[in-house]
Protein backbone atom coordinates (compact mmCIF):
# COMPACT_ATOMS: atom_id res chain seq x y z
CA MET A 1 130.94 75.23 137.76
CA ALA A 2 130.12 78.94 137.63
CA VAL A 3 131.45 81.08 134.82
CA PRO A 4 133.82 83.72 136.29
CA GLU A 5 132.22 86.72 134.57
CA LEU A 6 128.77 85.62 135.79
CA ALA A 7 129.72 84.89 139.38
CA ALA A 8 129.12 88.50 140.46
CA THR A 9 125.57 88.63 139.12
CA SER A 10 123.94 86.41 141.73
CA PRO A 11 125.67 84.73 144.67
CA PHE A 12 122.88 82.13 144.90
CA THR A 13 122.78 80.96 141.28
CA ALA A 14 125.26 78.40 140.05
CA LEU A 15 125.46 79.00 136.32
CA PRO A 16 126.32 76.37 133.77
CA ALA A 17 129.41 76.82 131.65
CA PRO A 18 128.84 77.94 128.05
CA ARG A 19 128.68 74.95 125.73
CA ILE A 20 128.78 74.51 121.99
CA LEU A 21 125.55 72.48 121.68
CA PRO A 22 123.26 75.22 123.08
CA ARG A 23 125.03 77.77 120.88
CA LEU A 24 124.41 75.61 117.82
CA ALA A 25 120.77 75.23 118.87
CA GLY A 26 120.54 79.03 119.17
CA VAL A 27 121.95 79.48 115.67
CA GLY A 28 119.50 76.87 114.36
CA LEU A 29 116.61 78.66 116.04
CA MET A 30 117.69 81.95 114.46
CA VAL A 31 117.97 80.43 110.98
CA LEU A 32 114.58 78.71 111.28
CA SER A 33 112.96 81.90 112.59
CA LEU A 34 114.40 84.01 109.78
CA ALA A 35 113.15 81.49 107.19
CA CYS A 36 109.66 81.58 108.74
CA MET A 37 109.76 85.38 108.79
CA GLY A 38 110.56 85.45 105.07
CA PHE A 39 107.74 83.02 104.31
CA MET A 40 105.24 85.01 106.39
CA ALA A 41 106.29 88.30 104.79
CA ARG A 42 105.61 86.82 101.35
CA GLN A 43 102.25 85.39 102.48
CA ALA A 44 101.26 88.75 103.98
CA GLU A 45 102.14 90.46 100.71
CA LYS A 46 99.89 88.02 98.83
CA SER A 47 97.05 88.50 101.34
CA ALA A 48 97.21 92.25 100.73
CA GLY A 49 96.56 91.60 97.02
CA PHE A 50 100.05 92.10 95.60
CA VAL A 51 99.87 88.95 93.49
CA ALA A 52 99.24 88.29 89.81
CA ASN A 53 96.55 85.58 89.87
CA LYS A 54 93.80 87.33 91.80
CA GLY A 55 90.13 87.51 91.09
CA THR A 56 86.68 86.88 92.54
CA LEU A 57 85.16 83.63 93.70
CA VAL A 58 81.34 83.53 93.78
CA VAL A 59 80.29 81.04 96.46
CA LYS A 60 77.68 78.48 95.39
CA ARG A 61 77.75 75.97 98.26
CA CYS A 62 79.65 75.20 101.46
CA GLU A 63 80.19 71.93 103.26
CA GLU A 64 82.21 70.34 106.03
CA GLN A 65 85.02 68.05 104.97
CA ARG A 66 86.87 65.55 107.09
CA SER A 67 90.54 65.04 106.35
CA SER A 68 92.41 62.13 107.82
CA GLY A 69 95.84 62.96 109.19
CA GLY A 70 96.67 59.40 110.02
CA ARG A 71 95.40 56.43 111.89
CA TYR A 72 94.23 58.23 115.03
CA SER A 73 93.67 61.82 113.95
CA SER A 74 91.22 63.54 111.67
CA ALA A 75 90.24 67.16 111.23
CA VAL A 76 87.01 68.75 110.14
CA HIS A 77 87.16 71.99 108.18
CA ASP A 78 84.73 74.06 106.13
CA VAL A 79 85.15 74.37 102.37
CA CYS A 80 83.13 76.54 100.03
CA PHE A 81 82.88 75.88 96.29
CA GLY A 82 82.02 78.27 93.52
CA SER A 83 83.20 79.82 90.29
CA PHE A 84 86.43 81.79 90.08
CA ARG A 85 86.90 84.59 87.57
CA ALA A 86 90.29 86.25 87.24
CA ASP A 87 90.47 90.05 87.18
CA ASN A 88 91.66 89.99 83.57
CA GLY A 89 88.64 87.80 82.64
CA ARG A 90 90.70 85.16 80.85
CA VAL A 91 90.52 82.49 83.55
CA VAL A 92 87.20 81.07 84.65
CA HIS A 93 87.14 77.99 86.85
CA ASP A 94 83.94 76.35 88.07
CA GLY A 95 84.26 74.15 91.14
CA ALA A 96 86.97 76.25 92.80
CA GLY A 97 87.35 75.50 96.49
CA LEU A 98 88.16 77.89 99.33
CA ARG A 99 88.60 76.97 102.99
CA GLY A 100 86.29 78.80 105.37
CA TRP A 101 82.54 79.37 105.64
CA TYR A 102 80.91 82.00 103.45
CA ALA A 103 77.32 82.84 102.54
CA THR A 104 75.89 81.46 99.31
CA GLY A 105 76.21 84.08 96.58
CA GLU A 106 78.97 85.96 98.43
CA LYS A 107 81.78 87.34 96.27
CA VAL A 108 85.14 86.71 97.87
CA ARG A 109 88.40 88.31 96.69
CA VAL A 110 90.94 85.51 96.29
CA TYR A 111 94.20 84.69 94.58
CA ARG A 112 95.07 81.46 92.92
CA GLU A 113 98.13 79.60 94.16
CA GLY A 114 98.89 76.22 92.66
CA TYR A 115 95.63 74.30 92.68
CA GLY A 116 94.08 76.17 95.60
CA TYR A 117 92.62 79.57 96.38
CA GLN A 118 93.48 81.87 99.27
CA PRO A 119 91.52 84.95 100.38
CA VAL A 120 92.74 88.48 99.75
CA SER A 121 91.88 90.06 103.07
CA TRP A 122 93.26 92.56 105.57
CA ARG A 123 92.48 90.14 108.38
CA PHE A 124 94.81 87.53 106.85
CA PHE A 125 97.39 90.23 106.09
CA TRP A 126 97.58 91.36 109.73
CA GLY A 127 97.47 87.78 111.02
CA ARG A 128 100.42 86.73 108.89
CA LEU A 129 102.29 89.87 109.80
CA ALA A 130 101.75 88.98 113.49
CA PHE A 131 103.52 85.67 112.82
CA PHE A 132 106.32 87.63 111.14
CA PHE A 133 106.89 89.63 114.34
CA ALA A 134 106.59 86.46 116.46
CA GLY A 135 109.44 85.11 114.35
CA LEU A 136 111.42 88.21 115.30
CA LEU A 137 110.89 87.30 118.96
CA MET A 138 112.15 83.77 118.31
CA THR A 139 115.19 85.22 116.54
CA ALA A 140 115.92 87.26 119.66
CA PHE A 141 115.63 84.13 121.84
CA GLY A 142 118.04 82.32 119.53
CA LEU A 143 120.46 85.23 119.73
CA VAL A 144 120.36 85.12 123.54
CA ILE A 145 121.10 81.39 123.59
CA THR A 146 123.92 81.84 121.07
CA ALA A 147 125.53 84.75 122.94
CA VAL A 148 125.26 83.24 126.43
CA GLY A 149 126.03 79.63 125.57
CA TYR A 150 123.37 77.91 127.65
CA ARG A 151 119.59 77.70 127.87
CA THR A 152 118.16 79.44 130.91
CA ARG A 153 115.91 77.34 133.13
CA THR A 154 115.44 79.49 136.23
CA VAL A 155 114.81 83.15 136.96
CA GLY A 156 118.31 83.50 138.40
CA GLU A 157 119.86 82.12 135.23
CA SER A 158 117.75 84.48 133.13
CA ARG A 159 118.93 87.48 135.13
CA ALA A 160 122.51 86.32 134.82
CA ALA A 161 122.08 85.87 131.06
CA TRP A 162 120.85 89.47 130.76
CA GLU A 163 123.88 90.64 132.70
CA VAL A 164 126.12 88.80 130.23
CA LEU A 165 124.28 90.39 127.32
CA ARG A 166 124.64 93.87 128.82
CA ARG A 167 128.40 93.40 128.90
CA LYS A 168 128.52 92.22 125.29
CA SER A 169 128.02 94.37 122.22
CA VAL A 170 124.91 92.40 121.21
CA GLY A 171 122.91 93.43 124.32
CA PRO A 172 121.20 96.61 123.03
CA TYR A 173 120.25 94.90 119.77
CA VAL A 174 118.65 91.97 121.55
CA SER A 175 116.56 94.24 123.77
CA TRP A 176 115.36 96.15 120.71
CA LEU A 177 114.51 92.90 118.92
CA PHE A 178 112.39 91.87 121.91
CA ARG A 179 110.65 95.27 122.02
CA VAL A 180 109.92 95.46 118.30
CA GLY A 181 108.89 91.80 118.11
CA GLY A 182 106.56 92.01 121.10
CA ALA A 183 104.97 95.33 120.11
CA GLY A 184 104.60 94.23 116.48
CA THR A 185 103.01 90.91 117.40
CA ALA A 186 100.54 92.57 119.77
CA ALA A 187 99.62 95.38 117.35
CA CYS A 188 99.13 93.04 114.38
CA ALA A 189 97.08 90.58 116.45
CA VAL A 190 94.77 93.42 117.56
CA LEU A 191 94.42 94.65 113.97
CA ALA A 192 93.68 91.09 112.73
CA LEU A 193 90.94 90.74 115.34
CA ALA A 194 89.55 94.17 114.44
CA TRP A 195 89.17 93.17 110.78
CA SER A 196 87.40 89.86 111.49
């Protein structure tokens, strides 16, 4: 049955009634997206070098390692080993491993996190920031689903959903979230590719 306030948007589209389950799914998508955005913002901050345990890893050798993800899947990734020296000079660790392929003797800026090492690099900074803005896009999608009350499946339903959002107070905010998220994702992806 068509929702009365949506009936004027398209005479050919029968719109579903707003339901609680899609609205809960929209709220869940927003919460998950915001959590991912917070995680990516912290990872981007670390990749820019704003972390305590940073230093230099001098690469001694690299090899391919196979990791088994289960019975039917396995992945091959490159790992380089070398000696890590912290910037303060107090921590020296031989046999430190870093994912990726680097030249022997290359000095790589890294930070220590747990038992592993991650690169300090502008390429990783912009890449993680691109995921932050992609999370903003997913937050906007979750807000649309929450405000409208159903998940759009056709072009007609999408147009009708935008008409509902225009009539609600949340409409301008959602359009700005889409603009900022899309522009931010594109700009950061280009900058990440430029630094590689």
